[in-house]
PDB file of N, CA and C in Angstrom:
ATOM      1  N   MET A   1       0.838  -1.173   0.000  1.00  0.00           N
ATOM      2  CA  MET A   1       0.000   0.000   0.000  1.00  0.00           C
ATOM      3  C   MET A   1       0.893   1.249   0.000  1.00  0.00           C
ATOM      4  N   VAL A   2       0.530   2.228  -0.790  1.00  0.00           N
ATOM      5  CA  VAL A   2       1.278   3.472  -0.898  1.00  0.00           C
ATOM      6  C   VAL A   2       0.557   4.553  -0.112  1.00  0.00           C
ATOM      7  N   ALA A   3       1.277   5.242   0.756  1.00  0.00           N
ATOM      8  CA  ALA A   3       0.698   6.333   1.538  1.00  0.00           C
ATOM      9  C   ALA A   3       0.598   7.579   0.686  1.00  0.00           C
ATOM     10  N   THR A   4      -0.509   8.277   0.813  1.00  0.00           N
ATOM     11  CA  THR A   4      -0.705   9.524   0.101  1.00  0.00           C
ATOM     12  C   THR A   4      -0.250  10.678   0.976  1.00  0.00           C
ATOM     13  N   VAL A   5       0.576  11.537   0.435  1.00  0.00           N
ATOM     14  CA  VAL A   5       1.052  12.703   1.172  1.00  0.00           C
ATOM     15  C   VAL A   5       0.194  13.898   0.784  1.00  0.00           C
ATOM     16  N   VAL A   6      -0.374  14.547   1.790  1.00  0.00           N
ATOM     17  CA  VAL A   6      -1.224  15.709   1.553  1.00  0.00           C
ATOM     18  C   VAL A   6      -0.451  16.957   1.939  1.00  0.00           C
ATOM     19  N   ASP A   7      -0.396  17.911   1.026  1.00  0.00           N
ATOM     20  CA  ASP A   7       0.225  19.196   1.314  1.00  0.00           C
ATOM     21  C   ASP A   7      -0.728  19.976   2.214  1.00  0.00           C
ATOM     22  N   LYS A   8      -0.313  20.230   3.450  1.00  0.00           N
ATOM     23  CA  LYS A   8      -1.181  20.920   4.401  1.00  0.00           C
ATOM     24  C   LYS A   8      -1.637  22.280   3.887  1.00  0.00           C
ATOM     25  N   ARG A   9      -0.801  22.935   3.121  1.00  0.00           N
ATOM     26  CA  ARG A   9      -1.161  24.272   2.619  1.00  0.00           C
ATOM     27  C   ARG A   9      -2.360  24.225   1.670  1.00  0.00           C
ATOM     28  N   SER A  10      -2.648  23.050   1.112  1.00  0.00           N
ATOM     29  CA  SER A  10      -3.785  22.941   0.205  1.00  0.00           C
ATOM     30  C   SER A  10      -5.097  22.776   0.966  1.00  0.00           C
ATOM     31  N   LEU A  11      -5.019  22.549   2.274  1.00  0.00           N
ATOM     32  CA  LEU A  11      -6.219  22.371   3.083  1.00  0.00           C
ATOM     33  C   LEU A  11      -6.816  23.721   3.457  1.00  0.00           C
ATOM     34  N   HIS A  12      -8.106  23.832   3.317  1.00  0.00           N
ATOM     35  CA  HIS A  12      -8.818  25.069   3.630  1.00  0.00           C
ATOM     36  C   HIS A  12      -9.181  25.075   5.110  1.00  0.00           C
ATOM     37  N   ILE A  13      -9.118  26.220   5.733  1.00  0.00           N
ATOM     38  CA  ILE A  13      -9.493  26.363   7.146  1.00  0.00           C
ATOM     39  C   ILE A  13     -10.669  27.329   7.231  1.00  0.00           C
ATOM     40  N   GLU A  14     -11.670  26.946   8.024  1.00  0.00           N
ATOM     41  CA  GLU A  14     -12.838  27.807   8.159  1.00  0.00           C
ATOM     42  C   GLU A  14     -13.520  27.565   9.495  1.00  0.00           C
ATOM     43  N   SER A  15     -14.379  28.490   9.859  1.00  0.00           N
ATOM     44  CA  SER A  15     -15.147  28.332  11.089  1.00  0.00           C
ATOM     45  C   SER A  15     -16.626  28.337  10.732  1.00  0.00           C
ATOM     46  N   SER A  16     -17.380  27.631  11.516  1.00  0.00           N
ATOM     47  CA  SER A  16     -18.823  27.594  11.337  1.00  0.00           C
ATOM     48  C   SER A  16     -19.439  28.762  12.085  1.00  0.00           C
ATOM     49  N   GLY A  17     -20.026  29.668  11.348  1.00  0.00           N
ATOM     50  CA  GLY A  17     -20.675  30.823  11.954  1.00  0.00           C
ATOM     51  C   GLY A  17     -21.834  30.439  12.844  1.00  0.00           C
ATOM     52  N   GLN A  18     -22.432  29.270  12.579  1.00  0.00           N
ATOM     53  CA  GLN A  18     -23.558  28.817  13.391  1.00  0.00           C
ATOM     54  C   GLN A  18     -23.091  28.271  14.736  1.00  0.00           C
ATOM     55  N   LEU A  19     -21.879  27.713  14.779  1.00  0.00           N
ATOM     56  CA  LEU A  19     -21.364  27.142  16.018  1.00  0.00           C
ATOM     57  C   LEU A  19     -20.526  28.123  16.830  1.00  0.00           C
ATOM     58  N   CYS A  20     -19.815  29.004  16.158  1.00  0.00           N
ATOM     59  CA  CYS A  20     -18.869  29.903  16.814  1.00  0.00           C
ATOM     60  C   CYS A  20     -19.558  30.792  17.841  1.00  0.00           C
ATOM     61  N   ILE A  21     -18.961  30.868  19.030  1.00  0.00           N
ATOM     62  CA  ILE A  21     -19.491  31.731  20.093  1.00  0.00           C
ATOM     63  C   ILE A  21     -18.614  32.973  20.290  1.00  0.00           C
ATOM     64  N   TYR A  22     -17.653  33.169  19.397  1.00  0.00           N
ATOM     65  CA  TYR A  22     -16.784  34.354  19.393  1.00  0.00           C
ATOM     66  C   TYR A  22     -16.070  34.559  20.726  1.00  0.00           C
ATOM     67  N   CYS A  23     -15.574  33.459  21.298  1.00  0.00           N
ATOM     68  CA  CYS A  23     -14.898  33.528  22.595  1.00  0.00           C
ATOM     69  C   CYS A  23     -13.439  33.973  22.465  1.00  0.00           C
ATOM     70  N   GLY A  24     -12.849  33.808  21.292  1.00  0.00           N
ATOM     71  CA  GLY A  24     -11.470  34.225  21.073  1.00  0.00           C
ATOM     72  C   GLY A  24     -10.419  33.214  21.490  1.00  0.00           C
ATOM     73  N   ALA A  25     -10.830  32.017  21.901  1.00  0.00           N
ATOM     74  CA  ALA A  25      -9.860  31.001  22.314  1.00  0.00           C
ATOM     75  C   ALA A  25      -8.868  30.680  21.205  1.00  0.00           C
ATOM     76  N   CYS A  26      -9.338  30.612  19.981  1.00  0.00           N
ATOM     77  CA  CYS A  26      -8.466  30.292  18.850  1.00  0.00           C
ATOM     78  C   CYS A  26      -7.480  31.425  18.569  1.00  0.00           C
ATOM     79  N   VAL A  27      -7.945  32.650  18.723  1.00  0.00           N
ATOM     80  CA  VAL A  27      -7.086  33.808  18.474  1.00  0.00           C
ATOM     81  C   VAL A  27      -5.947  33.843  19.482  1.00  0.00           C
ATOM     82  N   GLY A  28      -6.264  33.609  20.735  1.00  0.00           N
ATOM     83  CA  GLY A  28      -5.272  33.680  21.791  1.00  0.00           C
ATOM     84  C   GLY A  28      -4.232  32.576  21.760  1.00  0.00           C
ATOM     85  N   ILE A  29      -4.579  31.439  21.177  1.00  0.00           N
ATOM     86  CA  ILE A  29      -3.659  30.304  21.207  1.00  0.00           C
ATOM     87  C   ILE A  29      -2.863  30.120  19.914  1.00  0.00           C
ATOM     88  N   CYS A  30      -3.231  30.794  18.853  1.00  0.00           N
ATOM     89  CA  CYS A  30      -2.548  30.630  17.564  1.00  0.00           C
ATOM     90  C   CYS A  30      -1.089  31.112  17.669  1.00  0.00           C
ATOM     91  N   PRO A  31      -0.128  30.207  17.435  1.00  0.00           N
ATOM     92  CA  PRO A  31       1.276  30.595  17.571  1.00  0.00           C
ATOM     93  C   PRO A  31       1.761  31.544  16.481  1.00  0.00           C
ATOM     94  N   LEU A  32       1.026  31.643  15.385  1.00  0.00           N
ATOM     95  CA  LEU A  32       1.439  32.510  14.282  1.00  0.00           C
ATOM     96  C   LEU A  32       0.574  33.762  14.156  1.00  0.00           C
ATOM     97  N   ASN A  33      -0.365  33.940  15.079  1.00  0.00           N
ATOM     98  CA  ASN A  33      -1.258  35.108  15.066  1.00  0.00           C
ATOM     99  C   ASN A  33      -1.929  35.312  13.713  1.00  0.00           C
ATOM    100  N   CYS A  34      -2.452  34.236  13.157  1.00  0.00           N
ATOM    101  CA  CYS A  34      -3.080  34.356  11.838  1.00  0.00           C
ATOM    102  C   CYS A  34      -4.602  34.191  11.892  1.00  0.00           C
ATOM    103  N   ILE A  35      -5.186  34.351  13.074  1.00  0.00           N
ATOM    104  CA  ILE A  35      -6.633  34.282  13.224  1.00  0.00           C
ATOM    105  C   ILE A  35      -7.119  35.630  13.733  1.00  0.00           C
ATOM    106  N   TYR A  36      -8.160  36.149  13.086  1.00  0.00           N
ATOM    107  CA  TYR A  36      -8.694  37.462  13.428  1.00  0.00           C
ATOM    108  C   TYR A  36     -10.168  37.331  13.766  1.00  0.00           C
ATOM    109  N   LEU A  37     -10.595  38.033  14.795  1.00  0.00           N
ATOM    110  CA  LEU A  37     -11.970  37.946  15.280  1.00  0.00           C
ATOM    111  C   LEU A  37     -12.591  39.331  15.344  1.00  0.00           C
ATOM    112  N   ASP A  38     -13.811  39.423  14.821  1.00  0.00           N
ATOM    113  CA  ASP A  38     -14.601  40.625  15.075  1.00  0.00           C
ATOM    114  C   ASP A  38     -15.972  40.162  15.585  1.00  0.00           C
ATOM    115  N   GLU A  39     -16.920  41.039  15.706  1.00  0.00           N
ATOM    116  CA  GLU A  39     -18.203  40.695  16.319  1.00  0.00           C
ATOM    117  C   GLU A  39     -19.038  39.721  15.497  1.00  0.00           C
ATOM    118  N   THR A  40     -18.735  39.582  14.220  1.00  0.00           N
ATOM    119  CA  THR A  40     -19.599  38.770  13.367  1.00  0.00           C
ATOM    120  C   THR A  40     -18.909  37.599  12.675  1.00  0.00           C
ATOM    121  N   ARG A  41     -17.578  37.513  12.778  1.00  0.00           N
ATOM    122  CA  ARG A  41     -16.913  36.403  12.094  1.00  0.00           C
ATOM    123  C   ARG A  41     -15.464  36.252  12.521  1.00  0.00           C
ATOM    124  N   ILE A  42     -14.928  35.081  12.194  1.00  0.00           N
ATOM    125  CA  ILE A  42     -13.511  34.789  12.374  1.00  0.00           C
ATOM    126  C   ILE A  42     -12.918  34.612  10.990  1.00  0.00           C
ATOM    127  N   THR A  43     -11.759  35.193  10.777  1.00  0.00           N
ATOM    128  CA  THR A  43     -11.067  34.992   9.511  1.00  0.00           C
ATOM    129  C   THR A  43      -9.669  34.463   9.785  1.00  0.00           C
ATOM    130  N   PHE A  44      -9.139  33.757   8.806  1.00  0.00           N
ATOM    131  CA  PHE A  44      -7.843  33.124   8.912  1.00  0.00           C
ATOM    132  C   PHE A  44      -6.937  33.615   7.797  1.00  0.00           C
ATOM    133  N   ASP A  45      -5.700  33.904   8.112  1.00  0.00           N
ATOM    134  CA  ASP A  45      -4.703  34.215   7.087  1.00  0.00           C
ATOM    135  C   ASP A  45      -4.142  32.878   6.610  1.00  0.00           C
ATOM    136  N   GLU A  46      -4.726  32.365   5.551  1.00  0.00           N
ATOM    137  CA  GLU A  46      -4.359  31.034   5.076  1.00  0.00           C
ATOM    138  C   GLU A  46      -2.961  30.973   4.473  1.00  0.00           C
ATOM    139  N   THR A  47      -2.377  32.111   4.164  1.00  0.00           N
ATOM    140  CA  THR A  47      -1.006  32.097   3.638  1.00  0.00           C
ATOM    141  C   THR A  47       0.012  31.923   4.758  1.00  0.00           C
ATOM    142  N   THR A  48      -0.356  32.308   5.973  1.00  0.00           N
ATOM    143  CA  THR A  48       0.523  32.175   7.126  1.00  0.00           C
ATOM    144  C   THR A  48       0.270  30.883   7.900  1.00  0.00           C
ATOM    145  N   CYS A  49      -0.975  30.469   7.947  1.00  0.00           N
ATOM    146  CA  CYS A  49      -1.385  29.300   8.729  1.00  0.00           C
ATOM    147  C   CYS A  49      -0.663  28.037   8.258  1.00  0.00           C
ATOM    148  N   THR A  50      -0.166  27.260   9.218  1.00  0.00           N
ATOM    149  CA  THR A  50       0.515  26.002   8.907  1.00  0.00           C
ATOM    150  C   THR A  50      -0.384  24.794   9.129  1.00  0.00           C
ATOM    151  N   ARG A  51      -1.628  25.013   9.497  1.00  0.00           N
ATOM    152  CA  ARG A  51      -2.602  23.952   9.754  1.00  0.00           C
ATOM    153  C   ARG A  51      -2.124  23.038  10.882  1.00  0.00           C
ATOM    154  N   CYS A  52      -1.646  23.641  11.959  1.00  0.00           N
ATOM    155  CA  CYS A  52      -1.118  22.887  13.101  1.00  0.00           C
ATOM    156  C   CYS A  52      -2.229  22.270  13.954  1.00  0.00           C
ATOM    157  N   ASN A  53      -3.453  22.695  13.753  1.00  0.00           N
ATOM    158  CA  ASN A  53      -4.639  22.192  14.460  1.00  0.00           C
ATOM    159  C   ASN A  53      -4.766  22.659  15.908  1.00  0.00           C
ATOM    160  N   ILE A  54      -3.910  23.548  16.362  1.00  0.00           N
ATOM    161  CA  ILE A  54      -4.013  24.033  17.740  1.00  0.00           C
ATOM    162  C   ILE A  54      -5.337  24.766  17.953  1.00  0.00           C
ATOM    163  N   CYS A  55      -5.744  25.552  16.986  1.00  0.00           N
ATOM    164  CA  CYS A  55      -7.009  26.289  17.112  1.00  0.00           C
ATOM    165  C   CYS A  55      -8.201  25.338  17.111  1.00  0.00           C
ATOM    166  N   VAL A  56      -8.116  24.282  16.322  1.00  0.00           N
ATOM    167  CA  VAL A  56      -9.188  23.288  16.274  1.00  0.00           C
ATOM    168  C   VAL A  56      -9.373  22.661  17.649  1.00  0.00           C
ATOM    169  N   LYS A  57      -8.277  22.307  18.283  1.00  0.00           N
ATOM    170  CA  LYS A  57      -8.323  21.683  19.615  1.00  0.00           C
ATOM    171  C   LYS A  57      -8.756  22.672  20.696  1.00  0.00           C
ATOM    172  N   ALA A  58      -8.425  23.942  20.519  1.00  0.00           N
ATOM    173  CA  ALA A  58      -8.751  24.963  21.523  1.00  0.00           C
ATOM    174  C   ALA A  58     -10.212  25.406  21.481  1.00  0.00           C
ATOM    175  N   CYS A  59     -10.870  25.225  20.349  1.00  0.00           N
ATOM    176  CA  CYS A  59     -12.244  25.696  20.201  1.00  0.00           C
ATOM    177  C   CYS A  59     -13.178  24.874  21.083  1.00  0.00           C
ATOM    178  N   PRO A  60     -13.870  25.531  22.017  1.00  0.00           N
ATOM    179  CA  PRO A  60     -14.735  24.799  22.959  1.00  0.00           C
ATOM    180  C   PRO A  60     -16.005  24.248  22.330  1.00  0.00           C
ATOM    181  N   VAL A  61     -16.365  24.727  21.144  1.00  0.00           N
ATOM    182  CA  VAL A  61     -17.615  24.273  20.515  1.00  0.00           C
ATOM    183  C   VAL A  61     -17.391  23.538  19.196  1.00  0.00           C
ATOM    184  N   GLY A  62     -16.142  23.306  18.826  1.00  0.00           N
ATOM    185  CA  GLY A  62     -15.850  22.566  17.595  1.00  0.00           C
ATOM    186  C   GLY A  62     -16.209  23.304  16.322  1.00  0.00           C
ATOM    187  N   ALA A  63     -16.059  24.620  16.329  1.00  0.00           N
ATOM    188  CA  ALA A  63     -16.479  25.421  15.182  1.00  0.00           C
ATOM    189  C   ALA A  63     -15.438  25.538  14.072  1.00  0.00           C
ATOM    190  N   ILE A  64     -14.194  25.108  14.317  1.00  0.00           N
ATOM    191  CA  ILE A  64     -13.139  25.282  13.325  1.00  0.00           C
ATOM    192  C   ILE A  64     -12.836  23.947  12.650  1.00  0.00           C
ATOM    193  N   GLU A  65     -12.759  23.981  11.328  1.00  0.00           N
ATOM    194  CA  GLU A  65     -12.445  22.790  10.541  1.00  0.00           C
ATOM    195  C   GLU A  65     -11.293  23.065   9.596  1.00  0.00           C
ATOM    196  N   ILE A  66     -10.431  22.089   9.465  1.00  0.00           N
ATOM    197  CA  ILE A  66      -9.351  22.155   8.479  1.00  0.00           C
ATOM    198  C   ILE A  66      -9.532  20.951   7.570  1.00  0.00           C
ATOM    199  N   GLY A  67      -9.616  21.209   6.306  1.00  0.00           N
ATOM    200  CA  GLY A  67      -9.808  20.082   5.400  1.00  0.00           C
ATOM    201  C   GLY A  67      -9.979  20.477   3.978  1.00  0.00           C
TER     202      GLY A  67
END
């Protein structure tokens, strides 16, 4: 069996506006400071993000997906 290597940079990162409670946990824990929060949405700097999944694990409601 041959393992498939996925380039992490090709993975899209997004948050679910329906789940997000705008707590800022992801913003505070991101080691590269590439997550931005305002009153109505979270945005990600996908050119800086390394898809380390720290924000995914930090989100208390599971609103962030990388894939």
